[in-house]
Amino acid sequence: MRKLAIAALAMTLAAPALAEVPSMDTMLGKTEQEVRQTLTSMGFEVRKLEREDGMIEAYFVGQGKMGEVYVNPQTGKPAKLKMK
Protein backbone atom coordinates (compact mmCIF):
# COMPACT_ATOMS: atom_id res chain seq x y z
CA MET A 1 0.00 0.00 0.00
CA ARG A 2 2.83 2.36 0.83
CA LYS A 3 4.46 1.80 -2.58
CA LEU A 4 1.17 2.62 -4.28
CA ALA A 5 0.85 5.89 -2.33
CA ILE A 6 4.42 6.87 -3.19
CA ALA A 7 3.86 6.07 -6.87
CA ALA A 8 0.64 8.12 -6.91
CA LEU A 9 2.40 11.07 -5.29
CA ALA A 10 5.29 10.87 -7.77
CA MET A 11 2.88 10.88 -10.72
CA THR A 12 1.02 13.88 -9.31
CA LEU A 13 4.22 15.88 -8.86
CA ALA A 14 5.54 14.91 -12.30
CA ALA A 15 2.37 15.92 -14.17
CA PRO A 16 2.48 19.45 -15.57
CA ALA A 17 0.08 21.87 -13.95
CA LEU A 18 -2.78 23.01 -16.11
CA ALA A 19 -2.44 26.77 -16.11
CA GLU A 20 -5.26 29.13 -16.89
CA VAL A 21 -5.04 31.30 -20.00
CA PRO A 22 -6.88 34.65 -20.09
CA SER A 23 -9.96 34.94 -22.27
CA MET A 24 -12.44 37.73 -22.99
CA ASP A 25 -14.56 36.49 -20.05
CA THR A 26 -11.72 36.44 -17.52
CA MET A 27 -12.01 38.92 -14.65
CA LEU A 28 -8.53 40.45 -14.56
CA GLY A 29 -9.13 43.36 -12.20
CA LYS A 30 -10.09 47.01 -12.12
CA THR A 31 -6.69 48.41 -11.13
CA GLU A 32 -3.18 47.99 -12.50
CA GLN A 33 -2.16 46.12 -9.35
CA GLU A 34 -5.10 43.68 -9.62
CA VAL A 35 -4.35 43.00 -13.31
CA ARG A 36 -0.68 42.31 -12.48
CA GLN A 37 -1.64 39.99 -9.60
CA THR A 38 -4.17 38.07 -11.68
CA LEU A 39 -1.82 37.53 -14.63
CA THR A 40 0.99 36.51 -12.25
CA SER A 41 -1.28 34.01 -10.49
CA MET A 42 -2.09 32.53 -13.92
CA GLY A 43 1.61 31.86 -14.44
CA PHE A 44 2.54 34.84 -16.59
CA GLU A 45 5.27 37.43 -16.16
CA VAL A 46 3.99 40.96 -16.74
CA ARG A 47 6.58 42.79 -18.81
CA LYS A 48 4.83 46.15 -19.17
CA LEU A 49 1.76 47.67 -17.56
CA GLU A 50 0.39 51.15 -18.25
CA ARG A 51 -2.73 53.21 -18.84
CA GLU A 52 -3.62 54.01 -22.42
CA ASP A 53 -6.80 55.67 -23.70
CA GLY A 54 -8.56 54.99 -20.40
CA MET A 55 -7.72 51.27 -20.49
CA ILE A 56 -5.17 49.25 -18.52
CA GLU A 57 -2.70 47.85 -21.07
CA ALA A 58 -0.57 44.85 -20.10
CA TYR A 59 2.06 42.89 -22.01
CA PHE A 60 2.80 39.45 -20.59
CA VAL A 61 4.74 36.26 -21.34
CA GLY A 62 4.67 32.70 -20.05
CA GLN A 63 3.56 29.16 -20.81
CA GLY A 64 5.26 29.50 -24.20
CA LYS A 65 2.93 32.37 -25.12
CA MET A 66 3.07 36.15 -25.43
CA GLY A 67 0.06 38.35 -24.91
CA GLU A 68 -1.28 41.86 -24.89
CA VAL A 69 -4.48 42.82 -23.15
CA TYR A 70 -6.46 46.02 -22.79
CA VAL A 71 -8.60 45.84 -19.65
CA ASN A 72 -11.67 48.00 -19.11
CA PRO A 73 -11.19 49.40 -15.58
CA GLN A 74 -14.97 49.73 -15.15
CA THR A 75 -15.66 46.01 -15.66
CA GLY A 76 -12.26 44.43 -14.96
CA LYS A 77 -12.58 42.34 -18.13
CA PRO A 78 -10.57 42.49 -21.36
CA ALA A 79 -11.80 44.85 -24.05
CA LYS A 80 -9.11 43.52 -26.42
CA LEU A 81 -6.87 40.46 -26.09
CA LYS A 82 -4.08 39.18 -28.37
CA MET A 83 -2.22 35.92 -27.68
CA LYS A 84 0.67 34.57 -29.76
PDB file of N, CA and C in Angstrom:
ATOM      1  N   MET A   1       0.823  -1.195   0.000  1.00  0.00           N
ATOM      2  CA  MET A   1       0.000   0.000   0.000  1.00  0.00           C
ATOM      3  C   MET A   1       0.869   1.262   0.000  1.00  0.00           C
ATOM      4  N   ARG A   2       1.947   1.203   0.749  1.00  0.00           N
ATOM      5  CA  ARG A   2       2.830   2.358   0.833  1.00  0.00           C
ATOM      6  C   ARG A   2       3.462   2.658  -0.526  1.00  0.00           C
ATOM      7  N   LYS A   3       3.856   1.598  -1.257  1.00  0.00           N
ATOM      8  CA  LYS A   3       4.463   1.797  -2.575  1.00  0.00           C
ATOM      9  C   LYS A   3       3.468   2.440  -3.533  1.00  0.00           C
ATOM     10  N   LEU A   4       2.216   2.046  -3.436  1.00  0.00           N
ATOM     11  CA  LEU A   4       1.172   2.622  -4.283  1.00  0.00           C
ATOM     12  C   LEU A   4       0.997   4.115  -3.984  1.00  0.00           C
ATOM     13  N   ALA A   5       0.997   4.482  -2.714  1.00  0.00           N
ATOM     14  CA  ALA A   5       0.848   5.885  -2.331  1.00  0.00           C
ATOM     15  C   ALA A   5       2.029   6.715  -2.828  1.00  0.00           C
ATOM     16  N   ILE A   6       3.224   6.165  -2.722  1.00  0.00           N
ATOM     17  CA  ILE A   6       4.418   6.867  -3.187  1.00  0.00           C
ATOM     18  C   ILE A   6       4.374   7.035  -4.701  1.00  0.00           C
ATOM     19  N   ALA A   7       3.960   5.997  -5.409  1.00  0.00           N
ATOM     20  CA  ALA A   7       3.861   6.071  -6.868  1.00  0.00           C
ATOM     21  C   ALA A   7       2.818   7.109  -7.289  1.00  0.00           C
ATOM     22  N   ALA A   8       1.684   7.149  -6.590  1.00  0.00           N
ATOM     23  CA  ALA A   8       0.639   8.124  -6.909  1.00  0.00           C
ATOM     24  C   ALA A   8       1.131   9.548  -6.671  1.00  0.00           C
ATOM     25  N   LEU A   9       1.857   9.751  -5.580  1.00  0.00           N
ATOM     26  CA  LEU A   9       2.400  11.071  -5.285  1.00  0.00           C
ATOM     27  C   LEU A   9       3.420  11.484  -6.341  1.00  0.00           C
ATOM     28  N   ALA A  10       4.276  10.570  -6.755  1.00  0.00           N
ATOM     29  CA  ALA A  10       5.290  10.867  -7.767  1.00  0.00           C
ATOM     30  C   ALA A  10       4.629  11.245  -9.094  1.00  0.00           C
ATOM     31  N   MET A  11       3.574  10.568  -9.473  1.00  0.00           N
ATOM     32  CA  MET A  11       2.877  10.879 -10.722  1.00  0.00           C
ATOM     33  C   MET A  11       2.214  12.250 -10.645  1.00  0.00           C
ATOM     34  N   THR A  12       1.666  12.590  -9.489  1.00  0.00           N
ATOM     35  CA  THR A  12       1.024  13.881  -9.306  1.00  0.00           C
ATOM     36  C   THR A  12       2.034  15.011  -9.426  1.00  0.00           C
ATOM     37  N   LEU A  13       3.192  14.842  -8.816  1.00  0.00           N
ATOM     38  CA  LEU A  13       4.220  15.877  -8.862  1.00  0.00           C
ATOM     39  C   LEU A  13       4.850  15.990 -10.240  1.00  0.00           C
ATOM     40  N   ALA A  14       4.911  14.895 -10.979  1.00  0.00           N
ATOM     41  CA  ALA A  14       5.537  14.912 -12.298  1.00  0.00           C
ATOM     42  C   ALA A  14       4.616  15.476 -13.377  1.00  0.00           C
ATOM     43  N   ALA A  15       3.321  15.424 -13.164  1.00  0.00           N
ATOM     44  CA  ALA A  15       2.371  15.915 -14.173  1.00  0.00           C
ATOM     45  C   ALA A  15       2.429  17.432 -14.247  1.00  0.00           C
ATOM     46  N   PRO A  16       2.450  17.990 -15.448  1.00  0.00           N
ATOM     47  CA  PRO A  16       2.475  19.451 -15.567  1.00  0.00           C
ATOM     48  C   PRO A  16       1.173  20.052 -15.083  1.00  0.00           C
ATOM     49  N   ALA A  17       1.277  21.181 -14.442  1.00  0.00           N
ATOM     50  CA  ALA A  17       0.084  21.870 -13.948  1.00  0.00           C
ATOM     51  C   ALA A  17      -0.660  22.485 -15.121  1.00  0.00           C
ATOM     52  N   LEU A  18      -1.965  22.387 -15.070  1.00  0.00           N
ATOM     53  CA  LEU A  18      -2.780  23.008 -16.106  1.00  0.00           C
ATOM     54  C   LEU A  18      -2.991  24.459 -15.718  1.00  0.00           C
ATOM     55  N   ALA A  19      -2.366  25.349 -16.428  1.00  0.00           N
ATOM     56  CA  ALA A  19      -2.444  26.768 -16.113  1.00  0.00           C
ATOM     57  C   ALA A  19      -3.594  27.409 -16.880  1.00  0.00           C
ATOM     58  N   GLU A  20      -4.155  28.402 -16.272  1.00  0.00           N
ATOM     59  CA  GLU A  20      -5.257  29.129 -16.891  1.00  0.00           C
ATOM     60  C   GLU A  20      -4.708  30.137 -17.892  1.00  0.00           C
ATOM     61  N   VAL A  21      -5.411  30.329 -18.972  1.00  0.00           N
ATOM     62  CA  VAL A  21      -5.043  31.300 -19.997  1.00  0.00           C
ATOM     63  C   VAL A  21      -6.163  32.341 -20.046  1.00  0.00           C
ATOM     64  N   PRO A  22      -5.822  33.631 -20.069  1.00  0.00           N
ATOM     65  CA  PRO A  22      -6.880  34.652 -20.090  1.00  0.00           C
ATOM     66  C   PRO A  22      -7.749  34.565 -21.338  1.00  0.00           C
ATOM     67  N   SER A  23      -9.019  34.877 -21.161  1.00  0.00           N
ATOM     68  CA  SER A  23      -9.964  34.944 -22.273  1.00  0.00           C
ATOM     69  C   SER A  23     -10.754  36.244 -22.117  1.00  0.00           C
ATOM     70  N   MET A  24     -11.647  36.501 -23.040  1.00  0.00           N
ATOM     71  CA  MET A  24     -12.444  37.726 -22.994  1.00  0.00           C
ATOM     72  C   MET A  24     -13.401  37.737 -21.799  1.00  0.00           C
ATOM     73  N   ASP A  25     -13.664  36.581 -21.203  1.00  0.00           N
ATOM     74  CA  ASP A  25     -14.563  36.495 -20.052  1.00  0.00           C
ATOM     75  C   ASP A  25     -13.831  36.495 -18.715  1.00  0.00           C
ATOM     76  N   THR A  26     -12.508  36.509 -18.744  1.00  0.00           N
ATOM     77  CA  THR A  26     -11.715  36.441 -17.519  1.00  0.00           C
ATOM     78  C   THR A  26     -11.756  37.776 -16.781  1.00  0.00           C
ATOM     79  N   MET A  27     -12.061  37.720 -15.491  1.00  0.00           N
ATOM     80  CA  MET A  27     -12.014  38.918 -14.648  1.00  0.00           C
ATOM     81  C   MET A  27     -10.555  39.137 -14.260  1.00  0.00           C
ATOM     82  N   LEU A  28      -9.940  40.184 -14.819  1.00  0.00           N
ATOM     83  CA  LEU A  28      -8.526  40.448 -14.565  1.00  0.00           C
ATOM     84  C   LEU A  28      -8.312  41.484 -13.468  1.00  0.00           C
ATOM     85  N   GLY A  29      -9.257  42.360 -13.252  1.00  0.00           N
ATOM     86  CA  GLY A  29      -9.133  43.358 -12.197  1.00  0.00           C
ATOM     87  C   GLY A  29      -9.425  44.757 -12.707  1.00  0.00           C
ATOM     88  N   LYS A  30      -9.720  45.631 -11.761  1.00  0.00           N
ATOM     89  CA  LYS A  30     -10.092  47.007 -12.115  1.00  0.00           C
ATOM     90  C   LYS A  30      -8.968  48.004 -11.878  1.00  0.00           C
ATOM     91  N   THR A  31      -7.849  47.539 -11.330  1.00  0.00           N
ATOM     92  CA  THR A  31      -6.690  48.407 -11.127  1.00  0.00           C
ATOM     93  C   THR A  31      -5.463  47.743 -11.750  1.00  0.00           C
ATOM     94  N   GLU A  32      -4.418  48.537 -11.943  1.00  0.00           N
ATOM     95  CA  GLU A  32      -3.182  47.986 -12.502  1.00  0.00           C
ATOM     96  C   GLU A  32      -2.619  46.890 -11.597  1.00  0.00           C
ATOM     97  N   GLN A  33      -2.667  47.109 -10.297  1.00  0.00           N
ATOM     98  CA  GLN A  33      -2.158  46.118  -9.351  1.00  0.00           C
ATOM     99  C   GLN A  33      -2.956  44.811  -9.428  1.00  0.00           C
ATOM    100  N   GLU A  34      -4.269  44.888  -9.520  1.00  0.00           N
ATOM    101  CA  GLU A  34      -5.104  43.683  -9.619  1.00  0.00           C
ATOM    102  C   GLU A  34      -4.815  42.920 -10.913  1.00  0.00           C
ATOM    103  N   VAL A  35      -4.650  43.647 -12.025  1.00  0.00           N
ATOM    104  CA  VAL A  35      -4.349  43.003 -13.309  1.00  0.00           C
ATOM    105  C   VAL A  35      -3.013  42.277 -13.215  1.00  0.00           C
ATOM    106  N   ARG A  36      -2.003  42.930 -12.643  1.00  0.00           N
ATOM    107  CA  ARG A  36      -0.685  42.306 -12.476  1.00  0.00           C
ATOM    108  C   ARG A  36      -0.795  41.047 -11.613  1.00  0.00           C
ATOM    109  N   GLN A  37      -1.495  41.139 -10.500  1.00  0.00           N
ATOM    110  CA  GLN A  37      -1.638  39.993  -9.597  1.00  0.00           C
ATOM    111  C   GLN A  37      -2.363  38.829 -10.269  1.00  0.00           C
ATOM    112  N   THR A  38      -3.408  39.126 -11.012  1.00  0.00           N
ATOM    113  CA  THR A  38      -4.175  38.067 -11.675  1.00  0.00           C
ATOM    114  C   THR A  38      -3.335  37.366 -12.738  1.00  0.00           C
ATOM    115  N   LEU A  39      -2.658  38.132 -13.581  1.00  0.00           N
ATOM    116  CA  LEU A  39      -1.824  37.526 -14.628  1.00  0.00           C
ATOM    117  C   LEU A  39      -0.679  36.724 -14.016  1.00  0.00           C
ATOM    118  N   THR A  40      -0.089  37.233 -12.935  1.00  0.00           N
ATOM    119  CA  THR A  40       0.988  36.514 -12.254  1.00  0.00           C
ATOM    120  C   THR A  40       0.472  35.209 -11.664  1.00  0.00           C
ATOM    121  N   SER A  41      -0.709  35.240 -11.066  1.00  0.00           N
ATOM    122  CA  SER A  41      -1.275  34.014 -10.486  1.00  0.00           C
ATOM    123  C   SER A  41      -1.638  32.982 -11.562  1.00  0.00           C
ATOM    124  N   MET A  42      -1.813  33.442 -12.806  1.00  0.00           N
ATOM    125  CA  MET A  42      -2.092  32.531 -13.923  1.00  0.00           C
ATOM    126  C   MET A  42      -0.801  31.938 -14.494  1.00  0.00           C
ATOM    127  N   GLY A  43       0.344  32.395 -13.985  1.00  0.00           N
ATOM    128  CA  GLY A  43       1.614  31.858 -14.436  1.00  0.00           C
ATOM    129  C   GLY A  43       2.331  32.701 -15.472  1.00  0.00           C
ATOM    130  N   PHE A  44       1.920  33.950 -15.612  1.00  0.00           N
ATOM    131  CA  PHE A  44       2.539  34.836 -16.589  1.00  0.00           C
ATOM    132  C   PHE A  44       3.431  35.858 -15.897  1.00  0.00           C
ATOM    133  N   GLU A  45       4.439  36.330 -16.621  1.00  0.00           N
ATOM    134  CA  GLU A  45       5.273  37.428 -16.162  1.00  0.00           C
ATOM    135  C   GLU A  45       4.799  38.676 -16.891  1.00  0.00           C
ATOM    136  N   VAL A  46       4.445  39.700 -16.140  1.00  0.00           N
ATOM    137  CA  VAL A  46       3.990  40.963 -16.737  1.00  0.00           C
ATOM    138  C   VAL A  46       5.228  41.784 -17.072  1.00  0.00           C
ATOM    139  N   ARG A  47       5.410  42.050 -18.345  1.00  0.00           N
ATOM    140  CA  ARG A  47       6.583  42.794 -18.808  1.00  0.00           C
ATOM    141  C   ARG A  47       6.361  44.297 -18.815  1.00  0.00           C
ATOM    142  N   LYS A  48       5.127  44.713 -19.100  1.00  0.00           N
ATOM    143  CA  LYS A  48       4.831  46.148 -19.170  1.00  0.00           C
ATOM    144  C   LYS A  48       3.372  46.349 -18.786  1.00  0.00           C
ATOM    145  N   LEU A  49       3.114  47.389 -18.007  1.00  0.00           N
ATOM    146  CA  LEU A  49       1.760  47.674 -17.560  1.00  0.00           C
ATOM    147  C   LEU A  49       1.601  49.183 -17.505  1.00  0.00           C
ATOM    148  N   GLU A  50       0.602  49.705 -18.229  1.00  0.00           N
ATOM    149  CA  GLU A  50       0.392  51.155 -18.249  1.00  0.00           C
ATOM    150  C   GLU A  50      -1.057  51.469 -18.584  1.00  0.00           C
ATOM    151  N   ARG A  51      -1.409  52.724 -18.438  1.00  0.00           N
ATOM    152  CA  ARG A  51      -2.733  53.212 -18.835  1.00  0.00           C
ATOM    153  C   ARG A  51      -2.621  53.808 -20.227  1.00  0.00           C
ATOM    154  N   GLU A  52      -3.580  53.451 -21.076  1.00  0.00           N
ATOM    155  CA  GLU A  52      -3.619  54.014 -22.424  1.00  0.00           C
ATOM    156  C   GLU A  52      -5.069  54.170 -22.848  1.00  0.00           C
ATOM    157  N   ASP A  53      -5.438  55.362 -23.239  1.00  0.00           N
ATOM    158  CA  ASP A  53      -6.802  55.665 -23.702  1.00  0.00           C
ATOM    159  C   ASP A  53      -7.868  55.188 -22.709  1.00  0.00           C
ATOM    160  N   GLY A  54      -7.600  55.365 -21.428  1.00  0.00           N
ATOM    161  CA  GLY A  54      -8.562  54.988 -20.400  1.00  0.00           C
ATOM    162  C   GLY A  54      -8.589  53.509 -20.062  1.00  0.00           C
ATOM    163  N   MET A  55      -7.786  52.712 -20.738  1.00  0.00           N
ATOM    164  CA  MET A  55      -7.717  51.273 -20.489  1.00  0.00           C
ATOM    165  C   MET A  55      -6.415  50.925 -19.772  1.00  0.00           C
ATOM    166  N   ILE A  56      -6.397  49.779 -19.112  1.00  0.00           N
ATOM    167  CA  ILE A  56      -5.174  49.250 -18.522  1.00  0.00           C
ATOM    168  C   ILE A  56      -4.568  48.320 -19.566  1.00  0.00           C
ATOM    169  N   GLU A  57      -3.365  48.638 -20.023  1.00  0.00           N
ATOM    170  CA  GLU A  57      -2.702  47.851 -21.067  1.00  0.00           C
ATOM    171  C   GLU A  57      -1.593  47.023 -20.418  1.00  0.00           C
ATOM    172  N   ALA A  58      -1.592  45.728 -20.674  1.00  0.00           N
ATOM    173  CA  ALA A  58      -0.571  44.851 -20.101  1.00  0.00           C
ATOM    174  C   ALA A  58       0.013  43.956 -21.185  1.00  0.00           C
ATOM    175  N   TYR A  59       1.341  43.829 -21.156  1.00  0.00           N
ATOM    176  CA  TYR A  59       2.061  42.893 -22.013  1.00  0.00           C
ATOM    177  C   TYR A  59       2.608  41.806 -21.103  1.00  0.00           C
ATOM    178  N   PHE A  60       2.385  40.541 -21.472  1.00  0.00           N
ATOM    179  CA  PHE A  60       2.799  39.450 -20.589  1.00  0.00           C
ATOM    180  C   PHE A  60       3.340  38.274 -21.392  1.00  0.00           C
ATOM    181  N   VAL A  61       4.165  37.450 -20.725  1.00  0.00           N
ATOM    182  CA  VAL A  61       4.740  36.255 -21.339  1.00  0.00           C
ATOM    183  C   VAL A  61       4.672  35.114 -20.331  1.00  0.00           C
ATOM    184  N   GLY A  62       4.663  33.893 -20.879  1.00  0.00           N
ATOM    185  CA  GLY A  62       4.666  32.704 -20.047  1.00  0.00           C
ATOM    186  C   GLY A  62       3.947  31.567 -20.725  1.00  0.00           C
ATOM    187  N   GLN A  63       4.206  30.348 -20.266  1.00  0.00           N
ATOM    188  CA  GLN A  63       3.564  29.156 -20.812  1.00  0.00           C
ATOM    189  C   GLN A  63       3.807  29.029 -22.311  1.00  0.00           C
ATOM    190  N   GLY A  64       4.940  29.553 -22.779  1.00  0.00           N
ATOM    191  CA  GLY A  64       5.258  29.504 -24.202  1.00  0.00           C
ATOM    192  C   GLY A  64       4.428  30.452 -25.044  1.00  0.00           C
ATOM    193  N   LYS A  65       3.797  31.429 -24.416  1.00  0.00           N
ATOM    194  CA  LYS A  65       2.934  32.374 -25.122  1.00  0.00           C
ATOM    195  C   LYS A  65       3.330  33.800 -24.785  1.00  0.00           C
ATOM    196  N   MET A  66       2.941  34.711 -25.666  1.00  0.00           N
ATOM    197  CA  MET A  66       3.069  36.148 -25.434  1.00  0.00           C
ATOM    198  C   MET A  66       1.680  36.737 -25.585  1.00  0.00           C
ATOM    199  N   GLY A  67       1.383  37.761 -24.800  1.00  0.00           N
ATOM    200  CA  GLY A  67       0.060  38.346 -24.909  1.00  0.00           C
ATOM    201  C   GLY A  67       0.043  39.831 -24.628  1.00  0.00           C
ATOM    202  N   GLU A  68      -1.011  40.445 -25.117  1.00  0.00           N
ATOM    203  CA  GLU A  68      -1.279  41.864 -24.887  1.00  0.00           C
ATOM    204  C   GLU A  68      -2.762  41.968 -24.582  1.00  0.00           C
ATOM    205  N   VAL A  69      -3.084  42.682 -23.524  1.00  0.00           N
ATOM    206  CA  VAL A  69      -4.478  42.818 -23.149  1.00  0.00           C
ATOM    207  C   VAL A  69      -4.770  44.261 -22.779  1.00  0.00           C
ATOM    208  N   TYR A  70      -5.941  44.729 -23.191  1.00  0.00           N
ATOM    209  CA  TYR A  70      -6.461  46.024 -22.788  1.00  0.00           C
ATOM    210  C   TYR A  70      -7.650  45.725 -21.886  1.00  0.00           C
ATOM    211  N   VAL A  71      -7.568  46.145 -20.643  1.00  0.00           N
ATOM    212  CA  VAL A  71      -8.599  45.841 -19.654  1.00  0.00           C
ATOM    213  C   VAL A  71      -9.433  47.095 -19.394  1.00  0.00           C
ATOM    214  N   ASN A  72     -10.746  46.924 -19.440  1.00  0.00           N
ATOM    215  CA  ASN A  72     -11.672  48.004 -19.107  1.00  0.00           C
ATOM    216  C   ASN A  72     -11.685  48.135 -17.584  1.00  0.00           C
ATOM    217  N   PRO A  73     -11.240  49.271 -17.034  1.00  0.00           N
ATOM    218  CA  PRO A  73     -11.187  49.403 -15.579  1.00  0.00           C
ATOM    219  C   PRO A  73     -12.566  49.491 -14.923  1.00  0.00           C
ATOM    220  N   GLN A  74     -13.608  49.701 -15.703  1.00  0.00           N
ATOM    221  CA  GLN A  74     -14.968  49.728 -15.152  1.00  0.00           C
ATOM    222  C   GLN A  74     -15.491  48.319 -14.889  1.00  0.00           C
ATOM    223  N   THR A  75     -15.159  47.377 -15.785  1.00  0.00           N
ATOM    224  CA  THR A  75     -15.660  46.007 -15.664  1.00  0.00           C
ATOM    225  C   THR A  75     -14.612  45.029 -15.143  1.00  0.00           C
ATOM    226  N   GLY A  76     -13.331  45.343 -15.351  1.00  0.00           N
ATOM    227  CA  GLY A  76     -12.255  44.430 -14.957  1.00  0.00           C
ATOM    228  C   GLY A  76     -12.006  43.323 -15.964  1.00  0.00           C
ATOM    229  N   LYS A  77     -12.718  43.366 -17.089  1.00  0.00           N
ATOM    230  CA  LYS A  77     -12.578  42.335 -18.127  1.00  0.00           C
ATOM    231  C   LYS A  77     -11.869  42.903 -19.358  1.00  0.00           C
ATOM    232  N   PRO A  78     -11.249  42.030 -20.152  1.00  0.00           N
ATOM    233  CA  PRO A  78     -10.567  42.491 -21.358  1.00  0.00           C
ATOM    234  C   PRO A  78     -11.527  43.129 -22.364  1.00  0.00           C
ATOM    235  N   ALA A  79     -11.087  44.238 -22.936  1.00  0.00           N
ATOM    236  CA  ALA A  79     -11.797  44.852 -24.047  1.00  0.00           C
ATOM    237  C   ALA A  79     -11.160  44.367 -25.346  1.00  0.00           C
ATOM    238  N   LYS A  80      -9.862  44.020 -25.263  1.00  0.00           N
ATOM    239  CA  LYS A  80      -9.105  43.517 -26.417  1.00  0.00           C
ATOM    240  C   LYS A  80      -8.033  42.577 -25.873  1.00  0.00           C
ATOM    241  N   LEU A  81      -7.842  41.451 -26.542  1.00  0.00           N
ATOM    242  CA  LEU A  81      -6.874  40.463 -26.088  1.00  0.00           C
ATOM    243  C   LEU A  81      -6.198  39.826 -27.298  1.00  0.00           C
ATOM    244  N   LYS A  82      -4.865  39.838 -27.312  1.00  0.00           N
ATOM    245  CA  LYS A  82      -4.083  39.183 -28.370  1.00  0.00           C
ATOM    246  C   LYS A  82      -3.136  38.191 -27.705  1.00  0.00           C
ATOM    247  N   MET A  83      -3.142  36.956 -28.190  1.00  0.00           N
ATOM    248  CA  MET A  83      -2.225  35.923 -27.682  1.00  0.00           C
ATOM    249  C   MET A  83      -1.471  35.350 -28.866  1.00  0.00           C
ATOM    250  N   LYS A  84      -0.158  35.161 -28.704  1.00  0.00           N
ATOM    251  CA  LYS A  84       0.674  34.568 -29.762  1.00  0.00           C
ATOM    252  C   LYS A  84       1.297  33.311 -29.228  1.00  0.00           C
TER     253      LYS A  84
END
